[in-house]
N, C-alpha and C. Protein backbone atom coordinates (compact mmCIF):
# COMPACT_ATOMS: atom_id res chain seq x y z
N MET A 1 -5.98 12.08 -45.99
CA MET A 1 -5.64 12.49 -44.64
C MET A 1 -4.66 11.47 -44.06
N ASN A 2 -3.58 11.95 -43.47
CA ASN A 2 -2.64 11.04 -42.82
C ASN A 2 -2.73 11.20 -41.32
N GLU A 3 -1.96 10.41 -40.60
CA GLU A 3 -2.06 10.40 -39.14
C GLU A 3 -1.67 11.72 -38.49
N LEU A 4 -1.00 12.62 -39.21
CA LEU A 4 -0.60 13.90 -38.64
C LEU A 4 -1.61 15.02 -38.91
N ASP A 5 -2.68 14.71 -39.66
CA ASP A 5 -3.68 15.73 -39.95
C ASP A 5 -4.57 16.04 -38.76
N GLU A 6 -4.70 15.11 -37.84
CA GLU A 6 -5.56 15.34 -36.68
C GLU A 6 -4.91 14.77 -35.43
N LEU A 7 -4.98 15.53 -34.37
CA LEU A 7 -4.39 15.14 -33.09
C LEU A 7 -5.49 15.10 -32.05
N SER A 8 -5.55 14.04 -31.29
CA SER A 8 -6.53 13.92 -30.22
C SER A 8 -5.81 13.42 -28.98
N PHE A 9 -6.19 13.90 -27.81
CA PHE A 9 -5.54 13.43 -26.59
C PHE A 9 -6.52 13.43 -25.44
N THR A 10 -6.22 12.64 -24.44
CA THR A 10 -7.01 12.58 -23.22
C THR A 10 -6.08 12.85 -22.05
N VAL A 11 -6.53 13.70 -21.15
CA VAL A 11 -5.75 14.05 -19.97
C VAL A 11 -6.46 13.48 -18.76
N SER A 12 -5.72 12.81 -17.89
CA SER A 12 -6.33 12.32 -16.65
C SER A 12 -5.34 12.49 -15.51
N GLY A 13 -5.85 12.51 -14.33
CA GLY A 13 -5.02 12.68 -13.15
C GLY A 13 -5.89 12.67 -11.91
N TYR A 14 -5.28 12.89 -10.78
CA TYR A 14 -6.01 12.93 -9.52
C TYR A 14 -5.78 14.27 -8.85
N ILE A 15 -6.86 14.91 -8.46
CA ILE A 15 -6.79 16.17 -7.74
C ILE A 15 -7.53 15.96 -6.42
N ALA A 16 -6.88 16.23 -5.34
CA ALA A 16 -7.44 15.96 -4.01
C ALA A 16 -8.44 17.03 -3.59
N ARG A 17 -9.46 17.21 -4.37
CA ARG A 17 -10.53 18.17 -4.09
C ARG A 17 -11.85 17.52 -4.49
N PRO A 18 -12.97 17.97 -3.97
CA PRO A 18 -14.27 17.44 -4.36
C PRO A 18 -14.54 17.67 -5.85
N PRO A 19 -15.23 16.75 -6.53
CA PRO A 19 -15.50 16.89 -7.97
C PRO A 19 -16.14 18.22 -8.35
N ALA A 20 -17.06 18.72 -7.56
CA ALA A 20 -17.72 19.99 -7.90
C ALA A 20 -16.73 21.14 -7.92
N GLU A 21 -15.76 21.12 -7.02
CA GLU A 21 -14.75 22.17 -6.96
C GLU A 21 -13.81 22.10 -8.17
N VAL A 22 -13.44 20.89 -8.54
CA VAL A 22 -12.57 20.68 -9.71
C VAL A 22 -13.31 21.12 -10.97
N TYR A 23 -14.56 20.72 -11.08
CA TYR A 23 -15.37 21.10 -12.25
C TYR A 23 -15.44 22.62 -12.40
N GLU A 24 -15.74 23.30 -11.30
CA GLU A 24 -15.83 24.76 -11.34
C GLU A 24 -14.51 25.42 -11.70
N ALA A 25 -13.41 24.84 -11.29
CA ALA A 25 -12.09 25.41 -11.60
C ALA A 25 -11.84 25.43 -13.11
N VAL A 26 -12.52 24.56 -13.84
CA VAL A 26 -12.38 24.52 -15.30
C VAL A 26 -13.52 25.25 -15.99
N ALA A 27 -14.75 25.08 -15.51
CA ALA A 27 -15.92 25.65 -16.16
C ALA A 27 -16.01 27.17 -16.00
N ASP A 28 -15.53 27.69 -14.89
CA ASP A 28 -15.62 29.12 -14.60
C ASP A 28 -14.45 29.86 -15.25
N PRO A 29 -14.73 30.79 -16.18
CA PRO A 29 -13.64 31.47 -16.90
C PRO A 29 -12.69 32.25 -16.00
N LYS A 30 -13.18 32.82 -14.91
CA LYS A 30 -12.29 33.56 -14.01
C LYS A 30 -11.27 32.63 -13.35
N GLN A 31 -11.74 31.48 -12.88
CA GLN A 31 -10.82 30.53 -12.26
C GLN A 31 -9.84 29.95 -13.28
N LEU A 32 -10.35 29.58 -14.45
CA LEU A 32 -9.50 28.99 -15.49
C LEU A 32 -8.40 29.96 -15.92
N SER A 33 -8.72 31.25 -15.95
CA SER A 33 -7.75 32.26 -16.37
C SER A 33 -6.60 32.43 -15.38
N ARG A 34 -6.81 32.01 -14.15
CA ARG A 34 -5.75 32.14 -13.14
C ARG A 34 -4.61 31.15 -13.34
N TYR A 35 -4.88 30.00 -13.96
CA TYR A 35 -3.83 28.99 -14.04
C TYR A 35 -3.64 28.37 -15.43
N PHE A 36 -4.57 28.56 -16.37
CA PHE A 36 -4.42 27.89 -17.66
C PHE A 36 -4.49 28.86 -18.83
N THR A 37 -5.59 29.54 -18.99
CA THR A 37 -5.75 30.48 -20.11
C THR A 37 -5.19 31.83 -19.68
N THR A 38 -3.90 31.93 -19.73
CA THR A 38 -3.18 33.08 -19.18
C THR A 38 -3.51 34.40 -19.86
N GLY A 39 -4.13 34.36 -21.01
CA GLY A 39 -4.57 35.58 -21.69
C GLY A 39 -6.05 35.84 -21.47
N GLY A 40 -6.74 34.91 -20.82
CA GLY A 40 -8.16 35.07 -20.51
C GLY A 40 -9.03 34.02 -21.16
N ALA A 41 -10.18 33.80 -20.55
CA ALA A 41 -11.20 32.89 -21.08
C ALA A 41 -12.49 33.68 -21.19
N ARG A 42 -13.20 33.50 -22.29
CA ARG A 42 -14.48 34.18 -22.50
C ARG A 42 -15.57 33.13 -22.58
N GLY A 43 -16.51 33.20 -21.65
CA GLY A 43 -17.65 32.30 -21.66
C GLY A 43 -17.48 31.14 -20.70
N ARG A 44 -18.58 30.77 -20.08
CA ARG A 44 -18.60 29.64 -19.16
C ARG A 44 -18.78 28.35 -19.95
N LEU A 45 -18.11 27.28 -19.52
CA LEU A 45 -18.22 25.98 -20.18
C LEU A 45 -19.55 25.33 -19.80
N GLU A 46 -20.55 25.52 -20.67
CA GLU A 46 -21.89 24.97 -20.50
C GLU A 46 -22.30 24.31 -21.81
N ASN A 47 -23.27 23.39 -21.75
CA ASN A 47 -23.73 22.68 -22.95
C ASN A 47 -24.02 23.64 -24.10
N GLY A 48 -23.47 23.32 -25.26
CA GLY A 48 -23.71 24.09 -26.46
C GLY A 48 -22.97 25.41 -26.57
N ALA A 49 -22.22 25.77 -25.54
CA ALA A 49 -21.53 27.06 -25.54
C ALA A 49 -20.34 27.06 -26.51
N ALA A 50 -20.17 28.15 -27.19
CA ALA A 50 -18.98 28.39 -28.01
C ALA A 50 -18.22 29.51 -27.32
N ILE A 51 -17.06 29.21 -26.83
CA ILE A 51 -16.29 30.17 -26.05
C ILE A 51 -14.93 30.36 -26.69
N SER A 52 -14.09 31.20 -26.09
CA SER A 52 -12.73 31.36 -26.60
C SER A 52 -11.74 31.46 -25.45
N TRP A 53 -10.56 30.96 -25.70
CA TRP A 53 -9.46 31.02 -24.75
C TRP A 53 -8.32 31.79 -25.39
N GLU A 54 -7.57 32.50 -24.55
CA GLU A 54 -6.37 33.21 -25.02
C GLU A 54 -5.21 32.85 -24.10
N PHE A 55 -4.02 32.83 -24.68
CA PHE A 55 -2.81 32.48 -23.94
C PHE A 55 -1.79 33.59 -24.13
N ALA A 56 -1.15 33.98 -23.05
CA ALA A 56 -0.20 35.10 -23.09
C ALA A 56 0.94 34.85 -24.07
N ASP A 57 1.37 33.61 -24.22
CA ASP A 57 2.51 33.31 -25.09
C ASP A 57 2.11 32.99 -26.53
N SER A 58 0.82 33.05 -26.85
CA SER A 58 0.36 32.78 -28.21
C SER A 58 -0.83 33.71 -28.51
N PRO A 59 -0.56 34.86 -29.09
CA PRO A 59 -1.60 35.87 -29.29
C PRO A 59 -2.78 35.37 -30.11
N GLY A 60 -3.94 35.91 -29.80
CA GLY A 60 -5.16 35.58 -30.53
C GLY A 60 -6.06 34.65 -29.73
N ARG A 61 -7.30 34.58 -30.18
CA ARG A 61 -8.29 33.73 -29.52
C ARG A 61 -8.33 32.35 -30.14
N PHE A 62 -8.54 31.36 -29.28
CA PHE A 62 -8.71 29.98 -29.70
C PHE A 62 -10.15 29.58 -29.41
N PRO A 63 -10.94 29.27 -30.43
CA PRO A 63 -12.33 28.89 -30.19
C PRO A 63 -12.42 27.50 -29.55
N VAL A 64 -13.32 27.36 -28.59
CA VAL A 64 -13.56 26.10 -27.91
C VAL A 64 -15.07 25.89 -27.86
N THR A 65 -15.51 24.68 -28.19
CA THR A 65 -16.93 24.35 -28.16
C THR A 65 -17.18 23.31 -27.08
N VAL A 66 -18.20 23.52 -26.28
CA VAL A 66 -18.59 22.54 -25.27
C VAL A 66 -19.49 21.51 -25.94
N VAL A 67 -19.03 20.27 -25.95
CA VAL A 67 -19.79 19.17 -26.54
C VAL A 67 -20.75 18.59 -25.51
N GLU A 68 -20.27 18.44 -24.27
CA GLU A 68 -21.10 17.88 -23.20
C GLU A 68 -20.66 18.46 -21.86
N ALA A 69 -21.63 18.91 -21.08
CA ALA A 69 -21.37 19.39 -19.73
C ALA A 69 -22.38 18.74 -18.80
N ASP A 70 -21.89 17.96 -17.86
CA ASP A 70 -22.72 17.26 -16.88
C ASP A 70 -22.11 17.48 -15.50
N PRO A 71 -22.32 18.69 -14.94
CA PRO A 71 -21.69 19.02 -13.66
C PRO A 71 -22.14 18.07 -12.54
N PRO A 72 -21.27 17.68 -11.66
CA PRO A 72 -19.83 17.91 -11.67
C PRO A 72 -19.05 16.72 -12.23
N ARG A 73 -19.70 15.88 -13.05
CA ARG A 73 -19.08 14.63 -13.48
C ARG A 73 -18.29 14.68 -14.78
N ARG A 74 -18.80 15.35 -15.77
CA ARG A 74 -18.19 15.23 -17.09
C ARG A 74 -18.23 16.55 -17.84
N LEU A 75 -17.13 16.82 -18.52
CA LEU A 75 -17.01 18.02 -19.33
C LEU A 75 -16.22 17.63 -20.58
N VAL A 76 -16.85 17.74 -21.74
CA VAL A 76 -16.21 17.38 -23.01
C VAL A 76 -16.14 18.65 -23.85
N ILE A 77 -14.93 18.98 -24.28
CA ILE A 77 -14.72 20.18 -25.09
C ILE A 77 -13.98 19.82 -26.37
N ARG A 78 -14.15 20.66 -27.38
CA ARG A 78 -13.40 20.50 -28.62
C ARG A 78 -12.87 21.87 -29.02
N GLY A 79 -11.65 21.85 -29.49
CA GLY A 79 -11.04 23.09 -29.96
C GLY A 79 -10.14 22.80 -31.14
N ARG A 80 -9.88 23.81 -31.91
CA ARG A 80 -8.98 23.68 -33.05
C ARG A 80 -7.83 24.64 -32.88
N ALA A 81 -6.65 24.13 -33.10
CA ALA A 81 -5.47 24.99 -33.08
C ALA A 81 -5.47 25.85 -34.34
N ARG A 82 -5.01 27.06 -34.21
CA ARG A 82 -4.89 27.94 -35.38
C ARG A 82 -3.71 27.50 -36.22
N ARG A 83 -3.83 27.71 -37.50
CA ARG A 83 -2.71 27.48 -38.42
C ARG A 83 -1.84 28.72 -38.44
N HIS A 84 -0.55 28.54 -38.28
CA HIS A 84 0.40 29.65 -38.32
C HIS A 84 1.12 29.65 -39.65
N SER A 85 1.51 30.82 -40.13
CA SER A 85 2.15 30.91 -41.44
C SER A 85 3.65 30.61 -41.36
N GLY A 86 4.21 30.57 -40.18
CA GLY A 86 5.64 30.29 -40.03
C GLY A 86 5.96 28.81 -40.18
N PRO A 87 7.19 28.44 -39.89
CA PRO A 87 7.61 27.05 -40.07
C PRO A 87 6.93 26.08 -39.10
N ARG A 88 6.47 26.57 -37.95
CA ARG A 88 5.81 25.70 -36.98
C ARG A 88 4.31 25.75 -37.20
N ARG A 89 3.70 24.65 -37.60
CA ARG A 89 2.27 24.63 -37.89
C ARG A 89 1.60 23.55 -37.04
N PRO A 90 0.93 23.94 -35.95
CA PRO A 90 0.28 22.94 -35.11
C PRO A 90 -0.91 22.29 -35.82
N PRO A 91 -1.10 20.98 -35.64
CA PRO A 91 -2.25 20.30 -36.25
C PRO A 91 -3.53 20.61 -35.48
N PRO A 92 -4.71 20.39 -36.09
CA PRO A 92 -5.96 20.53 -35.35
C PRO A 92 -5.96 19.59 -34.15
N SER A 93 -6.63 19.96 -33.10
CA SER A 93 -6.66 19.09 -31.93
C SER A 93 -8.01 19.15 -31.24
N SER A 94 -8.28 18.16 -30.43
CA SER A 94 -9.48 18.17 -29.60
C SER A 94 -9.13 17.49 -28.29
N SER A 95 -9.91 17.75 -27.27
CA SER A 95 -9.67 17.11 -25.99
C SER A 95 -10.99 16.81 -25.31
N SER A 96 -10.94 15.88 -24.39
CA SER A 96 -12.11 15.49 -23.63
C SER A 96 -11.70 15.37 -22.18
N ARG A 97 -12.48 15.93 -21.28
CA ARG A 97 -12.14 15.86 -19.86
C ARG A 97 -13.38 15.48 -19.09
N SER A 98 -13.20 14.73 -18.02
CA SER A 98 -14.34 14.42 -17.16
C SER A 98 -13.87 14.23 -15.73
N THR A 99 -14.77 14.48 -14.79
CA THR A 99 -14.47 14.23 -13.39
C THR A 99 -15.26 13.02 -12.94
N THR A 100 -14.62 12.14 -12.21
CA THR A 100 -15.30 10.98 -11.65
C THR A 100 -14.76 10.74 -10.27
N GLY A 101 -15.61 10.41 -9.35
CA GLY A 101 -15.15 10.15 -7.99
C GLY A 101 -14.63 11.40 -7.34
N ARG A 102 -13.92 11.26 -6.25
CA ARG A 102 -13.42 12.40 -5.50
C ARG A 102 -12.22 13.02 -6.20
N GLY A 103 -12.47 14.08 -6.93
CA GLY A 103 -11.40 14.83 -7.55
C GLY A 103 -10.71 14.16 -8.72
N ARG A 104 -11.18 13.01 -9.16
CA ARG A 104 -10.53 12.37 -10.32
C ARG A 104 -10.90 13.15 -11.56
N TRP A 105 -9.92 13.44 -12.36
CA TRP A 105 -10.12 14.26 -13.56
C TRP A 105 -9.58 13.56 -14.75
């Protein structure tokens, strides 16, 4: 395995909203579909849940597993990018997100 076989990243930022509101914007599939999963989200982000996300510009479902959900403080998810048969082949990836303090994500 070389350094390009697996990709991991952390996203952080500040959102001027209460942590519970920010958490719900990600955990609730209806809200998430309005701004991120443009093709739809299936399943609520809860402990042990296996859900799927779809994107309008990339057909098909992307499986996502909830590793840890501690509302409204922490949400850890893992997902794998699909392998495409064309010249562009995205590597597997995972991400971790958490809320801390007032709207910190």
